[in-house]
Amino acid sequence: MQRHDPEVEQLLVAAGWYPGRQVTDLVARWRGALESDGGFQLHPAAESVLLEYGGLVIDSHGPGRDLARAPLHLDPTLALGEEDRLHEYFPELAGRDFFPLGETDNGHVFLAIDRGGAVVQVMDEVYGRWSSFERALESLLLGRRGSSYGEAAS
């Protein structure tokens, strides 16, 4: 089991998360919706995150450690129709096979994960970059700046 910062764990539990959570039926529905037109392909890194955290709406607002905290809505279908943004629009994302995880900042920014587990926050630019979902989760919920893919989050 992944150990979370106590404050992050408190936010997760309040949103309905618990250790060992698996939402297989929900992930199967999302797979069908997102793969039906060939736009996104659910890969193991995305599936692992969505099985445990999918469907959660995690409320985190107010000042953070470095910047404002960002609430998360973990539903990949919120990115339907945004395939070009996550695959072709940004040169640094091209060829990385990103799959959407949901939205942050009250629907203003998408969160996506590549096959290697790196996570990005994108809309009209790439706002955040993390080497793993766990680092992204902690950074967003606690208001910490994102890190480079190969760099540990502070």
N, C-alpha and C. Protein backbone atom coordinates (compact mmCIF):
# COMPACT_ATOMS: atom_id res chain seq x y z
N MET A 1 0.83 -1.19 0.00
CA MET A 1 0.00 0.00 0.00
C MET A 1 0.88 1.25 0.00
N GLN A 2 0.50 2.22 -0.80
CA GLN A 2 1.21 3.50 -0.86
C GLN A 2 0.94 4.28 0.42
N ARG A 3 1.99 4.78 1.05
CA ARG A 3 1.84 5.62 2.24
C ARG A 3 1.68 7.06 1.78
N HIS A 4 0.65 7.72 2.27
CA HIS A 4 0.37 9.10 1.91
C HIS A 4 0.72 10.02 3.07
N ASP A 5 1.02 11.27 2.74
CA ASP A 5 1.12 12.31 3.74
C ASP A 5 -0.18 12.27 4.55
N PRO A 6 -0.13 12.44 5.87
CA PRO A 6 -1.36 12.35 6.68
C PRO A 6 -2.48 13.30 6.22
N GLU A 7 -2.12 14.50 5.81
CA GLU A 7 -3.14 15.45 5.35
C GLU A 7 -3.75 14.98 4.03
N VAL A 8 -2.94 14.43 3.14
CA VAL A 8 -3.44 13.89 1.88
C VAL A 8 -4.36 12.71 2.17
N GLU A 9 -3.95 11.83 3.05
CA GLU A 9 -4.78 10.67 3.39
C GLU A 9 -6.12 11.11 3.96
N GLN A 10 -6.13 12.13 4.79
CA GLN A 10 -7.38 12.64 5.35
C GLN A 10 -8.31 13.14 4.24
N LEU A 11 -7.77 13.86 3.26
CA LEU A 11 -8.57 14.34 2.13
C LEU A 11 -9.09 13.17 1.29
N LEU A 12 -8.24 12.18 1.08
CA LEU A 12 -8.65 11.00 0.30
C LEU A 12 -9.78 10.24 0.99
N VAL A 13 -9.65 10.01 2.28
CA VAL A 13 -10.67 9.28 3.04
C VAL A 13 -11.99 10.06 3.01
N ALA A 14 -11.92 11.38 3.16
CA ALA A 14 -13.13 12.20 3.12
C ALA A 14 -13.82 12.10 1.75
N ALA A 15 -13.05 11.83 0.70
CA ALA A 15 -13.60 11.69 -0.65
C ALA A 15 -14.12 10.29 -0.94
N GLY A 16 -13.88 9.33 -0.03
CA GLY A 16 -14.36 7.97 -0.22
C GLY A 16 -13.30 6.93 -0.51
N TRP A 17 -12.03 7.32 -0.47
CA TRP A 17 -10.95 6.38 -0.70
C TRP A 17 -10.71 5.55 0.56
N TYR A 18 -10.23 4.34 0.37
CA TYR A 18 -9.81 3.48 1.48
C TYR A 18 -8.73 2.55 0.93
N PRO A 19 -7.83 2.06 1.78
CA PRO A 19 -6.80 1.14 1.31
C PRO A 19 -7.41 -0.08 0.64
N GLY A 20 -6.88 -0.45 -0.51
CA GLY A 20 -7.37 -1.60 -1.24
C GLY A 20 -8.57 -1.32 -2.14
N ARG A 21 -8.96 -0.07 -2.25
CA ARG A 21 -10.12 0.31 -3.09
C ARG A 21 -9.86 -0.11 -4.53
N GLN A 22 -10.86 -0.69 -5.18
CA GLN A 22 -10.79 -1.12 -6.58
C GLN A 22 -12.15 -0.88 -7.22
N VAL A 23 -12.22 -0.01 -8.22
CA VAL A 23 -13.49 0.29 -8.90
C VAL A 23 -13.45 -0.29 -10.31
N THR A 24 -13.42 -1.60 -10.40
CA THR A 24 -13.23 -2.29 -11.68
C THR A 24 -14.36 -2.01 -12.68
N ASP A 25 -15.61 -1.99 -12.21
CA ASP A 25 -16.73 -1.74 -13.12
C ASP A 25 -16.65 -0.34 -13.71
N LEU A 26 -16.31 0.63 -12.90
CA LEU A 26 -16.18 2.01 -13.36
C LEU A 26 -15.06 2.14 -14.39
N VAL A 27 -13.93 1.52 -14.11
CA VAL A 27 -12.81 1.57 -15.05
C VAL A 27 -13.17 0.88 -16.36
N ALA A 28 -13.90 -0.21 -16.30
CA ALA A 28 -14.34 -0.90 -17.53
C ALA A 28 -15.24 0.01 -18.36
N ARG A 29 -16.16 0.74 -17.72
CA ARG A 29 -17.02 1.68 -18.46
C ARG A 29 -16.19 2.79 -19.10
N TRP A 30 -15.24 3.31 -18.35
CA TRP A 30 -14.38 4.37 -18.89
C TRP A 30 -13.56 3.86 -20.07
N ARG A 31 -13.03 2.66 -19.95
CA ARG A 31 -12.26 2.08 -21.05
C ARG A 31 -13.12 2.05 -22.31
N GLY A 32 -14.33 1.56 -22.19
CA GLY A 32 -15.23 1.50 -23.33
C GLY A 32 -15.51 2.86 -23.94
N ALA A 33 -15.76 3.85 -23.10
CA ALA A 33 -16.07 5.20 -23.59
C ALA A 33 -14.87 5.86 -24.26
N LEU A 34 -13.69 5.68 -23.71
CA LEU A 34 -12.51 6.38 -24.20
C LEU A 34 -11.80 5.66 -25.34
N GLU A 35 -11.96 4.34 -25.43
CA GLU A 35 -11.30 3.59 -26.49
C GLU A 35 -12.20 3.39 -27.71
N SER A 36 -13.49 3.67 -27.59
CA SER A 36 -14.43 3.37 -28.67
C SER A 36 -14.10 4.08 -29.98
N ASP A 37 -13.58 5.27 -29.92
CA ASP A 37 -13.25 6.00 -31.15
C ASP A 37 -11.76 5.95 -31.47
N GLY A 38 -10.99 5.21 -30.67
CA GLY A 38 -9.57 5.07 -30.92
C GLY A 38 -8.72 6.23 -30.43
N GLY A 39 -9.33 7.18 -29.72
CA GLY A 39 -8.60 8.36 -29.26
C GLY A 39 -7.63 8.11 -28.13
N PHE A 40 -8.05 7.32 -27.17
CA PHE A 40 -7.21 7.00 -26.01
C PHE A 40 -7.17 5.49 -25.83
N GLN A 41 -6.04 4.99 -25.34
CA GLN A 41 -5.90 3.57 -25.02
C GLN A 41 -5.48 3.46 -23.56
N LEU A 42 -6.32 2.80 -22.77
CA LEU A 42 -6.01 2.62 -21.35
C LEU A 42 -4.79 1.73 -21.21
N HIS A 43 -3.74 2.25 -20.60
CA HIS A 43 -2.52 1.47 -20.37
C HIS A 43 -2.40 1.14 -18.89
N PRO A 44 -1.50 0.23 -18.52
CA PRO A 44 -1.41 -0.22 -17.13
C PRO A 44 -1.18 0.88 -16.11
N ALA A 45 -0.39 1.89 -16.41
CA ALA A 45 -0.16 2.96 -15.43
C ALA A 45 -1.45 3.71 -15.13
N ALA A 46 -2.22 4.03 -16.17
CA ALA A 46 -3.50 4.73 -15.98
C ALA A 46 -4.50 3.82 -15.27
N GLU A 47 -4.56 2.57 -15.68
CA GLU A 47 -5.51 1.64 -15.08
C GLU A 47 -5.25 1.47 -13.58
N SER A 48 -4.00 1.37 -13.19
CA SER A 48 -3.65 1.21 -11.79
C SER A 48 -4.14 2.40 -10.95
N VAL A 49 -3.91 3.61 -11.44
CA VAL A 49 -4.35 4.81 -10.72
C VAL A 49 -5.88 4.86 -10.67
N LEU A 50 -6.52 4.63 -11.81
CA LEU A 50 -7.97 4.75 -11.86
C LEU A 50 -8.67 3.66 -11.05
N LEU A 51 -8.12 2.47 -10.99
CA LEU A 51 -8.72 1.42 -10.17
C LEU A 51 -8.80 1.84 -8.71
N GLU A 52 -7.76 2.47 -8.22
CA GLU A 52 -7.72 2.86 -6.80
C GLU A 52 -8.37 4.21 -6.52
N TYR A 53 -8.20 5.17 -7.42
CA TYR A 53 -8.63 6.54 -7.13
C TYR A 53 -9.76 7.04 -8.05
N GLY A 54 -10.09 6.31 -9.09
CA GLY A 54 -11.09 6.74 -10.04
C GLY A 54 -12.43 7.03 -9.40
N GLY A 55 -13.07 8.09 -9.88
CA GLY A 55 -14.38 8.48 -9.38
C GLY A 55 -14.34 9.40 -8.18
N LEU A 56 -13.19 9.56 -7.57
CA LEU A 56 -13.10 10.43 -6.39
C LEU A 56 -13.14 11.91 -6.81
N VAL A 57 -13.83 12.68 -6.01
CA VAL A 57 -13.81 14.14 -6.12
C VAL A 57 -13.19 14.59 -4.81
N ILE A 58 -11.95 15.07 -4.90
CA ILE A 58 -11.17 15.39 -3.71
C ILE A 58 -11.14 16.90 -3.55
N ASP A 59 -11.72 17.37 -2.47
CA ASP A 59 -11.87 18.79 -2.22
C ASP A 59 -10.65 19.32 -1.46
N SER A 60 -9.90 20.15 -2.11
CA SER A 60 -8.74 20.78 -1.48
C SER A 60 -8.67 22.21 -1.99
N HIS A 61 -8.93 23.16 -1.12
CA HIS A 61 -8.94 24.58 -1.49
C HIS A 61 -8.09 25.38 -0.51
N GLY A 62 -7.79 26.60 -0.90
CA GLY A 62 -7.09 27.51 -0.01
C GLY A 62 -5.60 27.57 -0.29
N PRO A 63 -4.90 28.32 0.53
CA PRO A 63 -3.46 28.45 0.32
C PRO A 63 -2.75 27.13 0.59
N GLY A 64 -1.72 26.89 -0.18
CA GLY A 64 -0.92 25.69 0.00
C GLY A 64 0.47 26.05 0.46
N ARG A 65 1.37 25.12 0.35
CA ARG A 65 2.75 25.35 0.80
C ARG A 65 3.51 26.27 -0.14
N ASP A 66 3.30 26.12 -1.48
CA ASP A 66 3.97 26.98 -2.47
C ASP A 66 2.98 27.78 -3.31
N LEU A 67 1.78 27.25 -3.49
CA LEU A 67 0.75 27.88 -4.31
C LEU A 67 -0.60 27.35 -3.85
N ALA A 68 -1.68 27.81 -4.47
CA ALA A 68 -3.02 27.40 -4.05
C ALA A 68 -3.21 25.89 -4.22
N ARG A 69 -3.96 25.30 -3.33
CA ARG A 69 -4.31 23.88 -3.41
C ARG A 69 -5.27 23.68 -4.57
N ALA A 70 -5.24 22.50 -5.17
CA ALA A 70 -6.09 22.22 -6.32
C ALA A 70 -6.99 21.03 -6.05
N PRO A 71 -8.30 21.21 -6.15
CA PRO A 71 -9.20 20.07 -6.01
C PRO A 71 -9.07 19.16 -7.24
N LEU A 72 -9.38 17.89 -7.06
CA LEU A 72 -9.27 16.92 -8.16
C LEU A 72 -10.60 16.22 -8.38
N HIS A 73 -10.93 16.00 -9.64
CA HIS A 73 -12.08 15.18 -10.02
C HIS A 73 -11.52 14.09 -10.92
N LEU A 74 -11.39 12.88 -10.39
CA LEU A 74 -10.73 11.80 -11.11
C LEU A 74 -11.73 10.99 -11.93
N ASP A 75 -12.02 11.52 -13.12
CA ASP A 75 -12.92 10.91 -14.09
C ASP A 75 -12.33 11.19 -15.47
N PRO A 76 -11.75 10.18 -16.12
CA PRO A 76 -11.08 10.42 -17.39
C PRO A 76 -12.02 10.83 -18.53
N THR A 77 -13.32 10.54 -18.40
CA THR A 77 -14.24 10.93 -19.47
C THR A 77 -14.43 12.44 -19.55
N LEU A 78 -13.97 13.17 -18.58
CA LEU A 78 -14.02 14.63 -18.64
C LEU A 78 -13.13 15.16 -19.77
N ALA A 79 -12.22 14.33 -20.26
CA ALA A 79 -11.30 14.73 -21.34
C ALA A 79 -11.75 14.21 -22.70
N LEU A 80 -12.96 13.66 -22.81
CA LEU A 80 -13.44 13.21 -24.12
C LEU A 80 -13.41 14.40 -25.09
N GLY A 81 -12.88 14.16 -26.28
CA GLY A 81 -12.75 15.22 -27.28
C GLY A 81 -11.46 16.01 -27.17
N GLU A 82 -10.63 15.70 -26.19
CA GLU A 82 -9.37 16.43 -25.98
C GLU A 82 -8.15 15.60 -26.37
N GLU A 83 -8.36 14.59 -27.20
CA GLU A 83 -7.27 13.70 -27.58
C GLU A 83 -6.10 14.47 -28.20
N ASP A 84 -6.40 15.46 -29.05
CA ASP A 84 -5.33 16.21 -29.69
C ASP A 84 -4.49 16.96 -28.66
N ARG A 85 -5.13 17.50 -27.64
CA ARG A 85 -4.40 18.25 -26.61
C ARG A 85 -3.42 17.35 -25.86
N LEU A 86 -3.80 16.11 -25.63
CA LEU A 86 -2.96 15.21 -24.86
C LEU A 86 -2.00 14.38 -25.71
N HIS A 87 -2.15 14.42 -27.04
CA HIS A 87 -1.29 13.61 -27.90
C HIS A 87 -0.45 14.43 -28.88
N GLU A 88 -0.97 15.52 -29.40
CA GLU A 88 -0.30 16.20 -30.51
C GLU A 88 -0.03 17.68 -30.29
N TYR A 89 -0.80 18.33 -29.44
CA TYR A 89 -0.76 19.79 -29.33
C TYR A 89 0.57 20.30 -28.77
N PHE A 90 1.10 19.61 -27.78
CA PHE A 90 2.34 20.02 -27.14
C PHE A 90 3.47 19.10 -27.58
N PRO A 91 4.52 19.63 -28.20
CA PRO A 91 5.63 18.77 -28.65
C PRO A 91 6.21 17.89 -27.55
N GLU A 92 6.28 18.40 -26.32
CA GLU A 92 6.87 17.61 -25.24
C GLU A 92 6.01 16.40 -24.83
N LEU A 93 4.73 16.38 -25.25
CA LEU A 93 3.86 15.26 -24.93
C LEU A 93 3.74 14.26 -26.08
N ALA A 94 4.16 14.66 -27.26
CA ALA A 94 4.01 13.82 -28.46
C ALA A 94 4.73 12.48 -28.28
N GLY A 95 4.04 11.42 -28.67
CA GLY A 95 4.61 10.09 -28.61
C GLY A 95 4.68 9.50 -27.22
N ARG A 96 4.13 10.16 -26.22
CA ARG A 96 4.22 9.69 -24.83
C ARG A 96 3.01 8.87 -24.41
N ASP A 97 1.96 8.82 -25.22
CA ASP A 97 0.77 8.00 -24.96
C ASP A 97 0.11 8.36 -23.63
N PHE A 98 -0.28 9.62 -23.49
CA PHE A 98 -0.95 10.05 -22.27
C PHE A 98 -2.39 9.60 -22.25
N PHE A 99 -2.86 9.23 -21.06
CA PHE A 99 -4.25 8.86 -20.84
C PHE A 99 -4.80 9.79 -19.76
N PRO A 100 -5.99 10.35 -19.96
CA PRO A 100 -6.53 11.29 -18.98
C PRO A 100 -6.92 10.61 -17.68
N LEU A 101 -6.69 11.33 -16.59
CA LEU A 101 -7.12 10.85 -15.28
C LEU A 101 -8.32 11.65 -14.77
N GLY A 102 -8.44 12.90 -15.23
CA GLY A 102 -9.53 13.75 -14.78
C GLY A 102 -9.15 15.21 -14.90
N GLU A 103 -9.72 16.01 -13.99
CA GLU A 103 -9.49 17.46 -14.02
C GLU A 103 -9.05 17.97 -12.66
N THR A 104 -8.35 19.09 -12.70
CA THR A 104 -7.96 19.81 -11.50
C THR A 104 -8.45 21.25 -11.64
N ASP A 105 -8.27 22.00 -10.58
CA ASP A 105 -8.60 23.43 -10.60
C ASP A 105 -10.03 23.68 -11.07
N ASN A 106 -10.97 22.91 -10.53
CA ASN A 106 -12.40 23.08 -10.84
C ASN A 106 -12.69 23.01 -12.33
N GLY A 107 -12.05 22.08 -13.02
CA GLY A 107 -12.32 21.84 -14.43
C GLY A 107 -11.54 22.70 -15.39
N HIS A 108 -10.59 23.46 -14.90
CA HIS A 108 -9.81 24.34 -15.77
C HIS A 108 -8.58 23.66 -16.37
N VAL A 109 -8.15 22.54 -15.81
CA VAL A 109 -6.92 21.88 -16.23
C VAL A 109 -7.12 20.37 -16.21
N PHE A 110 -6.57 19.67 -17.23
CA PHE A 110 -6.63 18.21 -17.28
C PHE A 110 -5.41 17.61 -16.60
N LEU A 111 -5.61 16.43 -16.03
CA LEU A 111 -4.52 15.66 -15.45
C LEU A 111 -4.42 14.38 -16.27
N ALA A 112 -3.20 14.01 -16.69
CA ALA A 112 -3.00 12.83 -17.52
C ALA A 112 -1.73 12.11 -17.12
N ILE A 113 -1.66 10.81 -17.47
CA ILE A 113 -0.52 9.97 -17.11
C ILE A 113 -0.03 9.24 -18.35
N ASP A 114 1.30 9.10 -18.48
CA ASP A 114 1.85 8.35 -19.61
C ASP A 114 2.14 6.92 -19.19
N ARG A 115 2.55 6.10 -20.16
CA ARG A 115 2.81 4.67 -19.89
C ARG A 115 3.86 4.45 -18.81
N GLY A 116 4.80 5.37 -18.68
CA GLY A 116 5.85 5.23 -17.68
C GLY A 116 5.45 5.71 -16.30
N GLY A 117 4.24 6.26 -16.17
CA GLY A 117 3.76 6.73 -14.87
C GLY A 117 3.95 8.21 -14.62
N ALA A 118 4.57 8.95 -15.55
CA ALA A 118 4.73 10.39 -15.39
C ALA A 118 3.37 11.06 -15.57
N VAL A 119 3.12 12.08 -14.78
CA VAL A 119 1.84 12.79 -14.77
C VAL A 119 2.06 14.24 -15.17
N VAL A 120 1.11 14.76 -15.97
CA VAL A 120 1.14 16.17 -16.36
C VAL A 120 -0.21 16.81 -16.10
N GLN A 121 -0.16 18.11 -15.96
CA GLN A 121 -1.33 18.95 -15.79
C GLN A 121 -1.32 19.89 -17.00
N VAL A 122 -2.36 19.83 -17.86
CA VAL A 122 -2.35 20.60 -19.11
C VAL A 122 -3.68 21.29 -19.37
N MET A 123 -3.58 22.41 -20.07
CA MET A 123 -4.73 23.06 -20.68
C MET A 123 -4.19 23.81 -21.88
N ASP A 124 -3.92 25.10 -21.75
CA ASP A 124 -3.34 25.81 -22.88
C ASP A 124 -1.81 25.77 -22.83
N GLU A 125 -1.27 25.16 -21.81
CA GLU A 125 0.16 24.86 -21.69
C GLU A 125 0.31 23.70 -20.71
N VAL A 126 1.51 23.19 -20.59
CA VAL A 126 1.77 22.14 -19.61
C VAL A 126 2.14 22.84 -18.31
N TYR A 127 1.25 22.74 -17.32
CA TYR A 127 1.43 23.48 -16.06
C TYR A 127 2.25 22.73 -15.03
N GLY A 128 2.03 21.45 -14.90
CA GLY A 128 2.71 20.68 -13.87
C GLY A 128 3.25 19.39 -14.44
N ARG A 129 4.33 18.91 -13.87
CA ARG A 129 4.97 17.67 -14.30
C ARG A 129 5.45 16.93 -13.06
N TRP A 130 5.11 15.66 -12.99
CA TRP A 130 5.55 14.85 -11.86
C TRP A 130 5.98 13.48 -12.36
N SER A 131 6.87 12.85 -11.63
CA SER A 131 7.37 11.54 -12.03
C SER A 131 6.40 10.41 -11.69
N SER A 132 5.39 10.69 -10.87
CA SER A 132 4.41 9.66 -10.50
C SER A 132 3.10 10.31 -10.08
N PHE A 133 2.05 9.51 -10.07
CA PHE A 133 0.75 10.00 -9.61
C PHE A 133 0.81 10.39 -8.13
N GLU A 134 1.50 9.61 -7.32
CA GLU A 134 1.59 9.90 -5.90
C GLU A 134 2.21 11.28 -5.66
N ARG A 135 3.24 11.61 -6.43
CA ARG A 135 3.86 12.94 -6.29
C ARG A 135 2.90 14.04 -6.75
N ALA A 136 2.19 13.79 -7.84
CA ALA A 136 1.21 14.76 -8.34
C ALA A 136 0.10 14.97 -7.32
N LEU A 137 -0.41 13.89 -6.78
CA LEU A 137 -1.49 13.94 -5.80
C LEU A 137 -1.10 14.80 -4.60
N GLU A 138 0.05 14.54 -4.05
CA GLU A 138 0.51 15.30 -2.89
C GLU A 138 0.74 16.77 -3.26
N SER A 139 1.36 17.01 -4.40
CA SER A 139 1.63 18.39 -4.81
C SER A 139 0.34 19.18 -5.01
N LEU A 140 -0.62 18.60 -5.72
CA LEU A 140 -1.86 19.30 -6.01
C LEU A 140 -2.69 19.53 -4.75
N LEU A 141 -2.84 18.51 -3.94
CA LEU A 141 -3.69 18.63 -2.76
C LEU A 141 -3.08 19.49 -1.67
N LEU A 142 -1.76 19.56 -1.60
CA LEU A 142 -1.09 20.37 -0.58
C LEU A 142 -0.59 21.71 -1.10
N GLY A 143 -0.73 21.94 -2.41
CA GLY A 143 -0.28 23.20 -2.98
C GLY A 143 1.23 23.31 -3.08
N ARG A 144 1.85 22.28 -3.61
CA ARG A 144 3.30 22.29 -3.85
C ARG A 144 3.54 22.41 -5.33
N ARG A 145 4.62 23.03 -5.72
CA ARG A 145 4.97 23.15 -7.14
C ARG A 145 5.28 21.78 -7.73
N GLY A 146 4.96 21.61 -9.01
CA GLY A 146 5.30 20.38 -9.71
C GLY A 146 6.80 20.30 -9.92
N SER A 147 7.27 19.12 -10.24
CA SER A 147 8.69 18.92 -10.49
C SER A 147 8.90 18.44 -11.90
N SER A 148 10.13 18.41 -12.33
CA SER A 148 10.45 17.82 -13.63
C SER A 148 10.27 16.32 -13.53
N TYR A 149 10.12 15.65 -14.69
CA TYR A 149 9.85 14.22 -14.69
C TYR A 149 10.90 13.42 -13.92
N GLY A 150 12.15 13.73 -14.10
CA GLY A 150 13.19 12.95 -13.47
C GLY A 150 13.62 13.46 -12.11
N GLU A 151 12.97 14.49 -11.64
CA GLU A 151 13.36 15.14 -10.38
C GLU A 151 12.36 14.77 -9.28
N ALA A 152 12.85 14.57 -8.10
CA ALA A 152 11.94 14.25 -6.99
C ALA A 152 11.18 15.50 -6.59
N ALA A 153 9.91 15.32 -6.26
CA ALA A 153 9.09 16.46 -5.79
C ALA A 153 9.53 16.81 -4.38
N SER A 154 9.49 18.08 -4.09
CA SER A 154 9.90 18.52 -2.75
C SER A 154 8.79 18.33 -1.76
